[in-house]
Amino acid sequence: MKIAVATENGHVSGHFGKCEQFTVFETAGNQVVGKAVLDTKAHGHGMLPPFLASNGVETVIAGGMGEGARHNLNTFGIRIVAGATGQVDEAVQKFLEGTLKVSDSGCHGHGHDEQHQCNCHGHKE
């Protein structure tokens, strides 16, 4: 299974759509057997779900995630684990062990005013 973690400075990013990297773990059972970092800068905010799907990702771990991102990931059959915090490697290991604690999984980390266009709530860019 491939697990992508929205990453910011080695930690789980607080906002799926704003992360500049995903750390992708390849797993076999409860063991990590490979790890790579994917840069998201060349992909628009709304293009992250197909980008992850094209890289074989089956599960995404992130901090906050809006409804638009959830819908788009679900369209590609990608499992969502939102509300996670901590170091990326530890989060994946806890996920594999079934002990990853998650909290508020909603969209946060940016203002929600009339200029908000991140597509995390169904807005189109």
N, C-alpha and C. Protein backbone atom coordinates (compact mmCIF):
# COMPACT_ATOMS: atom_id res chain seq x y z
N MET A 1 0.85 -1.17 0.00
CA MET A 1 0.00 0.00 0.00
C MET A 1 0.89 1.23 0.00
N LYS A 2 0.46 2.27 -0.70
CA LYS A 2 1.16 3.54 -0.69
C LYS A 2 0.36 4.55 0.13
N ILE A 3 1.06 5.19 1.05
CA ILE A 3 0.46 6.19 1.93
C ILE A 3 1.17 7.51 1.68
N ALA A 4 0.41 8.56 1.35
CA ALA A 4 0.99 9.90 1.15
C ALA A 4 0.65 10.76 2.36
N VAL A 5 1.67 11.42 2.90
CA VAL A 5 1.47 12.30 4.04
C VAL A 5 1.75 13.73 3.58
N ALA A 6 0.75 14.61 3.74
CA ALA A 6 0.97 16.03 3.45
C ALA A 6 2.06 16.51 4.40
N THR A 7 3.14 17.06 3.84
CA THR A 7 4.35 17.31 4.62
C THR A 7 4.78 18.76 4.60
N GLU A 8 5.18 19.22 5.78
CA GLU A 8 5.75 20.56 5.95
C GLU A 8 6.86 20.47 6.98
N ASN A 9 8.10 20.64 6.54
CA ASN A 9 9.27 20.59 7.43
C ASN A 9 9.33 19.31 8.25
N GLY A 10 9.05 18.17 7.62
CA GLY A 10 9.14 16.88 8.29
C GLY A 10 7.96 16.53 9.16
N HIS A 11 6.97 17.41 9.23
CA HIS A 11 5.78 17.18 10.04
C HIS A 11 4.54 17.09 9.15
N VAL A 12 3.48 16.51 9.69
CA VAL A 12 2.21 16.46 8.98
C VAL A 12 1.72 17.89 8.79
N SER A 13 1.46 18.26 7.54
CA SER A 13 1.00 19.60 7.22
C SER A 13 -0.41 19.82 7.77
N GLY A 14 -0.64 21.02 8.27
CA GLY A 14 -1.95 21.36 8.81
C GLY A 14 -3.02 21.57 7.75
N HIS A 15 -2.62 21.65 6.49
CA HIS A 15 -3.61 21.89 5.44
C HIS A 15 -3.22 21.13 4.18
N PHE A 16 -4.01 20.14 3.83
CA PHE A 16 -3.76 19.29 2.68
C PHE A 16 -3.46 20.09 1.41
N GLY A 17 -4.28 21.04 1.08
CA GLY A 17 -4.18 21.76 -0.18
C GLY A 17 -3.06 22.76 -0.27
N LYS A 18 -2.43 23.09 0.85
CA LYS A 18 -1.36 24.08 0.84
C LYS A 18 0.03 23.48 1.00
N CYS A 19 0.10 22.16 1.19
CA CYS A 19 1.42 21.57 1.39
C CYS A 19 2.21 21.59 0.08
N GLU A 20 3.51 21.74 0.21
CA GLU A 20 4.37 21.77 -0.97
C GLU A 20 5.00 20.42 -1.27
N GLN A 21 4.81 19.47 -0.35
CA GLN A 21 5.36 18.14 -0.56
C GLN A 21 4.45 17.09 0.06
N PHE A 22 4.54 15.91 -0.51
CA PHE A 22 3.96 14.72 0.11
C PHE A 22 5.09 13.74 0.30
N THR A 23 5.16 13.15 1.49
CA THR A 23 6.07 12.05 1.71
C THR A 23 5.26 10.79 1.46
N VAL A 24 5.71 9.98 0.52
CA VAL A 24 4.98 8.78 0.14
C VAL A 24 5.73 7.56 0.67
N PHE A 25 5.01 6.77 1.44
CA PHE A 25 5.55 5.56 2.04
C PHE A 25 4.96 4.35 1.33
N GLU A 26 5.80 3.43 0.95
CA GLU A 26 5.33 2.15 0.42
C GLU A 26 5.43 1.17 1.58
N THR A 27 4.34 0.45 1.80
CA THR A 27 4.29 -0.45 2.94
C THR A 27 3.95 -1.87 2.52
N ALA A 28 4.37 -2.80 3.35
CA ALA A 28 4.01 -4.20 3.22
C ALA A 28 3.62 -4.65 4.63
N GLY A 29 2.36 -4.95 4.81
CA GLY A 29 1.89 -5.25 6.17
C GLY A 29 2.04 -4.00 7.03
N ASN A 30 2.68 -4.16 8.16
CA ASN A 30 2.90 -3.03 9.07
C ASN A 30 4.31 -2.46 8.95
N GLN A 31 4.99 -2.75 7.86
CA GLN A 31 6.37 -2.29 7.69
C GLN A 31 6.49 -1.32 6.52
N VAL A 32 7.29 -0.29 6.71
CA VAL A 32 7.63 0.64 5.63
C VAL A 32 8.76 0.01 4.84
N VAL A 33 8.56 -0.12 3.52
CA VAL A 33 9.58 -0.74 2.67
C VAL A 33 10.16 0.25 1.66
N GLY A 34 9.62 1.46 1.60
CA GLY A 34 10.13 2.48 0.71
C GLY A 34 9.57 3.84 1.08
N LYS A 35 10.32 4.88 0.72
CA LYS A 35 9.91 6.24 1.06
C LYS A 35 10.44 7.19 0.00
N ALA A 36 9.58 8.11 -0.45
CA ALA A 36 9.98 9.11 -1.44
C ALA A 36 9.24 10.41 -1.13
N VAL A 37 9.81 11.51 -1.59
CA VAL A 37 9.17 12.81 -1.41
C VAL A 37 8.73 13.31 -2.79
N LEU A 38 7.45 13.69 -2.89
CA LEU A 38 6.90 14.24 -4.13
C LEU A 38 6.66 15.72 -3.93
N ASP A 39 7.17 16.52 -4.84
CA ASP A 39 6.98 17.96 -4.81
C ASP A 39 5.67 18.31 -5.49
N THR A 40 4.89 19.21 -4.90
CA THR A 40 3.58 19.55 -5.46
C THR A 40 3.56 20.88 -6.19
N LYS A 41 4.67 21.59 -6.25
CA LYS A 41 4.69 22.95 -6.81
C LYS A 41 4.23 23.02 -8.26
N ALA A 42 4.44 21.99 -9.03
CA ALA A 42 4.04 22.01 -10.44
C ALA A 42 2.57 21.63 -10.63
N HIS A 43 1.87 21.33 -9.52
CA HIS A 43 0.49 20.87 -9.60
C HIS A 43 -0.40 21.87 -8.88
N GLY A 44 -1.45 22.29 -9.54
CA GLY A 44 -2.40 23.22 -8.93
C GLY A 44 -3.12 22.58 -7.76
N HIS A 45 -3.67 23.41 -6.93
CA HIS A 45 -4.37 22.98 -5.73
C HIS A 45 -5.39 21.88 -6.01
N GLY A 46 -6.22 22.06 -7.01
CA GLY A 46 -7.25 21.08 -7.34
C GLY A 46 -6.72 19.85 -8.05
N MET A 47 -5.45 19.87 -8.45
CA MET A 47 -4.87 18.74 -9.17
C MET A 47 -4.16 17.75 -8.26
N LEU A 48 -4.16 18.00 -6.95
CA LEU A 48 -3.47 17.09 -6.04
C LEU A 48 -4.08 15.68 -6.02
N PRO A 49 -5.41 15.53 -5.95
CA PRO A 49 -5.94 14.16 -5.96
C PRO A 49 -5.56 13.33 -7.19
N PRO A 50 -5.69 13.85 -8.43
CA PRO A 50 -5.26 13.03 -9.56
C PRO A 50 -3.75 12.79 -9.57
N PHE A 51 -2.98 13.78 -9.10
CA PHE A 51 -1.52 13.63 -9.01
C PHE A 51 -1.18 12.47 -8.06
N LEU A 52 -1.83 12.43 -6.91
CA LEU A 52 -1.58 11.35 -5.95
C LEU A 52 -2.03 10.01 -6.51
N ALA A 53 -3.20 9.99 -7.14
CA ALA A 53 -3.71 8.75 -7.73
C ALA A 53 -2.76 8.23 -8.81
N SER A 54 -2.21 9.13 -9.62
CA SER A 54 -1.30 8.71 -10.68
C SER A 54 0.01 8.15 -10.13
N ASN A 55 0.29 8.44 -8.87
CA ASN A 55 1.48 7.90 -8.20
C ASN A 55 1.15 6.68 -7.35
N GLY A 56 -0.05 6.12 -7.52
CA GLY A 56 -0.42 4.89 -6.85
C GLY A 56 -0.79 5.03 -5.38
N VAL A 57 -1.05 6.25 -4.93
CA VAL A 57 -1.39 6.47 -3.53
C VAL A 57 -2.78 5.92 -3.24
N GLU A 58 -2.89 5.19 -2.13
CA GLU A 58 -4.17 4.60 -1.72
C GLU A 58 -4.73 5.26 -0.47
N THR A 59 -3.87 5.90 0.35
CA THR A 59 -4.28 6.54 1.59
C THR A 59 -3.55 7.86 1.72
N VAL A 60 -4.26 8.91 2.20
CA VAL A 60 -3.65 10.21 2.46
C VAL A 60 -3.81 10.53 3.94
N ILE A 61 -2.72 10.97 4.55
CA ILE A 61 -2.74 11.45 5.93
C ILE A 61 -2.44 12.94 5.88
N ALA A 62 -3.26 13.73 6.56
CA ALA A 62 -3.08 15.18 6.58
C ALA A 62 -3.60 15.75 7.88
N GLY A 63 -3.31 17.03 8.10
CA GLY A 63 -3.90 17.75 9.23
C GLY A 63 -5.32 18.12 8.85
N GLY A 64 -5.53 19.35 8.41
CA GLY A 64 -6.85 19.79 7.98
C GLY A 64 -7.10 19.47 6.52
N MET A 65 -8.38 19.26 6.21
CA MET A 65 -8.77 18.97 4.84
C MET A 65 -10.21 19.39 4.64
N GLY A 66 -10.45 20.17 3.62
CA GLY A 66 -11.80 20.64 3.33
C GLY A 66 -12.63 19.63 2.57
N GLU A 67 -13.89 19.95 2.44
CA GLU A 67 -14.84 19.04 1.79
C GLU A 67 -14.55 18.84 0.30
N GLY A 68 -14.08 19.87 -0.39
CA GLY A 68 -13.75 19.72 -1.81
C GLY A 68 -12.64 18.71 -2.02
N ALA A 69 -11.60 18.80 -1.20
CA ALA A 69 -10.49 17.85 -1.30
C ALA A 69 -10.96 16.44 -0.95
N ARG A 70 -11.79 16.34 0.08
CA ARG A 70 -12.32 15.02 0.46
C ARG A 70 -13.10 14.40 -0.70
N HIS A 71 -13.96 15.19 -1.30
CA HIS A 71 -14.76 14.70 -2.42
C HIS A 71 -13.85 14.24 -3.57
N ASN A 72 -12.87 15.06 -3.91
CA ASN A 72 -11.97 14.72 -5.02
C ASN A 72 -11.14 13.48 -4.73
N LEU A 73 -10.65 13.34 -3.50
CA LEU A 73 -9.90 12.14 -3.15
C LEU A 73 -10.80 10.91 -3.19
N ASN A 74 -12.02 11.05 -2.68
CA ASN A 74 -12.97 9.92 -2.73
C ASN A 74 -13.26 9.50 -4.16
N THR A 75 -13.30 10.46 -5.08
CA THR A 75 -13.53 10.15 -6.49
C THR A 75 -12.47 9.19 -7.03
N PHE A 76 -11.25 9.33 -6.51
CA PHE A 76 -10.15 8.47 -6.95
C PHE A 76 -9.98 7.24 -6.07
N GLY A 77 -10.90 7.06 -5.11
CA GLY A 77 -10.83 5.88 -4.24
C GLY A 77 -9.72 5.95 -3.22
N ILE A 78 -9.26 7.14 -2.89
CA ILE A 78 -8.17 7.31 -1.93
C ILE A 78 -8.76 7.49 -0.53
N ARG A 79 -8.30 6.66 0.40
CA ARG A 79 -8.74 6.73 1.80
C ARG A 79 -8.16 7.98 2.44
N ILE A 80 -8.96 8.63 3.30
CA ILE A 80 -8.55 9.88 3.94
C ILE A 80 -8.41 9.68 5.44
N VAL A 81 -7.26 10.11 5.97
CA VAL A 81 -7.04 10.15 7.41
C VAL A 81 -6.65 11.59 7.71
N ALA A 82 -7.61 12.39 8.17
CA ALA A 82 -7.36 13.80 8.42
C ALA A 82 -7.42 14.09 9.91
N GLY A 83 -6.75 15.16 10.31
CA GLY A 83 -6.70 15.55 11.71
C GLY A 83 -5.45 15.04 12.40
N ALA A 84 -4.48 14.54 11.64
CA ALA A 84 -3.24 14.02 12.22
C ALA A 84 -2.25 15.15 12.48
N THR A 85 -1.34 14.92 13.41
CA THR A 85 -0.26 15.86 13.72
C THR A 85 1.02 15.07 13.98
N GLY A 86 2.11 15.79 14.12
CA GLY A 86 3.38 15.16 14.51
C GLY A 86 4.32 14.95 13.35
N GLN A 87 5.42 14.25 13.64
CA GLN A 87 6.41 13.96 12.62
C GLN A 87 5.85 12.93 11.64
N VAL A 88 6.20 13.09 10.38
CA VAL A 88 5.67 12.27 9.29
C VAL A 88 5.94 10.78 9.52
N ASP A 89 7.19 10.42 9.82
CA ASP A 89 7.53 9.01 10.01
C ASP A 89 6.75 8.39 11.16
N GLU A 90 6.63 9.12 12.25
CA GLU A 90 5.90 8.62 13.40
C GLU A 90 4.41 8.47 13.10
N ALA A 91 3.85 9.43 12.36
CA ALA A 91 2.43 9.36 12.02
C ALA A 91 2.13 8.11 11.20
N VAL A 92 2.99 7.80 10.23
CA VAL A 92 2.77 6.61 9.40
C VAL A 92 2.91 5.35 10.23
N GLN A 93 3.91 5.29 11.08
CA GLN A 93 4.09 4.09 11.90
C GLN A 93 2.89 3.88 12.82
N LYS A 94 2.40 4.96 13.42
CA LYS A 94 1.21 4.85 14.28
C LYS A 94 -0.02 4.44 13.46
N PHE A 95 -0.13 4.97 12.25
CA PHE A 95 -1.24 4.57 11.37
C PHE A 95 -1.18 3.07 11.11
N LEU A 96 0.00 2.57 10.79
CA LEU A 96 0.15 1.15 10.50
C LEU A 96 -0.15 0.29 11.72
N GLU A 97 0.15 0.81 12.90
CA GLU A 97 -0.11 0.09 14.14
C GLU A 97 -1.55 0.25 14.62
N GLY A 98 -2.30 1.16 14.00
CA GLY A 98 -3.67 1.41 14.41
C GLY A 98 -3.79 2.30 15.62
N THR A 99 -2.73 3.09 15.91
CA THR A 99 -2.75 3.94 17.10
C THR A 99 -2.67 5.43 16.77
N LEU A 100 -2.79 5.80 15.52
CA LEU A 100 -2.71 7.21 15.14
C LEU A 100 -3.94 7.95 15.67
N LYS A 101 -3.71 8.98 16.46
CA LYS A 101 -4.81 9.79 16.99
C LYS A 101 -5.04 10.96 16.07
N VAL A 102 -6.30 11.20 15.76
CA VAL A 102 -6.67 12.34 14.93
C VAL A 102 -7.65 13.20 15.70
N SER A 103 -7.65 14.49 15.37
CA SER A 103 -8.55 15.42 16.04
C SER A 103 -9.38 16.13 15.00
N ASP A 104 -9.53 17.43 15.12
CA ASP A 104 -10.29 18.23 14.17
C ASP A 104 -9.72 18.02 12.78
N SER A 105 -10.54 17.55 11.86
CA SER A 105 -10.05 17.26 10.52
C SER A 105 -10.56 18.24 9.48
N GLY A 106 -11.18 19.32 9.91
CA GLY A 106 -11.72 20.27 8.96
C GLY A 106 -10.66 21.17 8.36
N CYS A 107 -11.08 21.96 7.42
CA CYS A 107 -10.20 22.90 6.74
C CYS A 107 -9.82 24.01 7.70
N HIS A 108 -8.53 24.26 7.86
CA HIS A 108 -8.07 25.37 8.68
C HIS A 108 -6.70 25.80 8.18
N GLY A 109 -6.17 26.85 8.76
CA GLY A 109 -4.85 27.30 8.36
C GLY A 109 -4.87 28.46 7.39
N HIS A 110 -6.06 28.98 7.09
CA HIS A 110 -6.16 30.16 6.24
C HIS A 110 -7.48 30.85 6.54
N GLY A 111 -7.58 32.09 6.19
CA GLY A 111 -8.80 32.84 6.43
C GLY A 111 -9.92 32.41 5.52
N HIS A 112 -11.13 32.53 6.00
CA HIS A 112 -12.30 32.18 5.20
C HIS A 112 -13.09 33.45 4.94
N ASP A 113 -12.59 34.25 4.03
CA ASP A 113 -13.29 35.46 3.66
C ASP A 113 -13.71 35.36 2.20
N GLU A 114 -14.19 36.43 1.65
CA GLU A 114 -14.69 36.37 0.27
C GLU A 114 -13.58 36.18 -0.75
N GLN A 115 -12.33 36.35 -0.36
CA GLN A 115 -11.21 36.14 -1.28
C GLN A 115 -10.76 34.68 -1.29
N HIS A 116 -11.32 33.88 -0.43
CA HIS A 116 -10.91 32.48 -0.28
C HIS A 116 -11.26 31.67 -1.53
N GLN A 117 -10.26 31.10 -2.19
CA GLN A 117 -10.48 30.36 -3.42
C GLN A 117 -9.69 29.05 -3.45
N CYS A 118 -9.57 28.35 -2.33
CA CYS A 118 -8.68 27.18 -2.32
C CYS A 118 -9.33 25.89 -2.80
N ASN A 119 -10.61 25.89 -3.09
CA ASN A 119 -11.33 24.71 -3.55
C ASN A 119 -11.55 23.67 -2.46
N CYS A 120 -11.16 23.98 -1.23
CA CYS A 120 -11.37 22.98 -0.17
C CYS A 120 -12.81 22.94 0.28
N HIS A 121 -13.62 23.87 -0.17
CA HIS A 121 -15.05 23.86 0.16
C HIS A 121 -15.90 23.81 -1.10
N GLY A 122 -15.31 23.32 -2.18
CA GLY A 122 -16.05 23.18 -3.42
C GLY A 122 -15.88 24.35 -4.38
N HIS A 123 -15.12 25.39 -3.98
CA HIS A 123 -14.87 26.52 -4.89
C HIS A 123 -13.96 26.06 -6.02
N LYS A 124 -14.12 26.62 -7.15
CA LYS A 124 -13.23 26.35 -8.29
C LYS A 124 -12.22 27.47 -8.40
N GLU A 125 -10.98 27.12 -8.68
CA GLU A 125 -9.95 28.15 -8.88
C GLU A 125 -10.05 28.72 -10.27
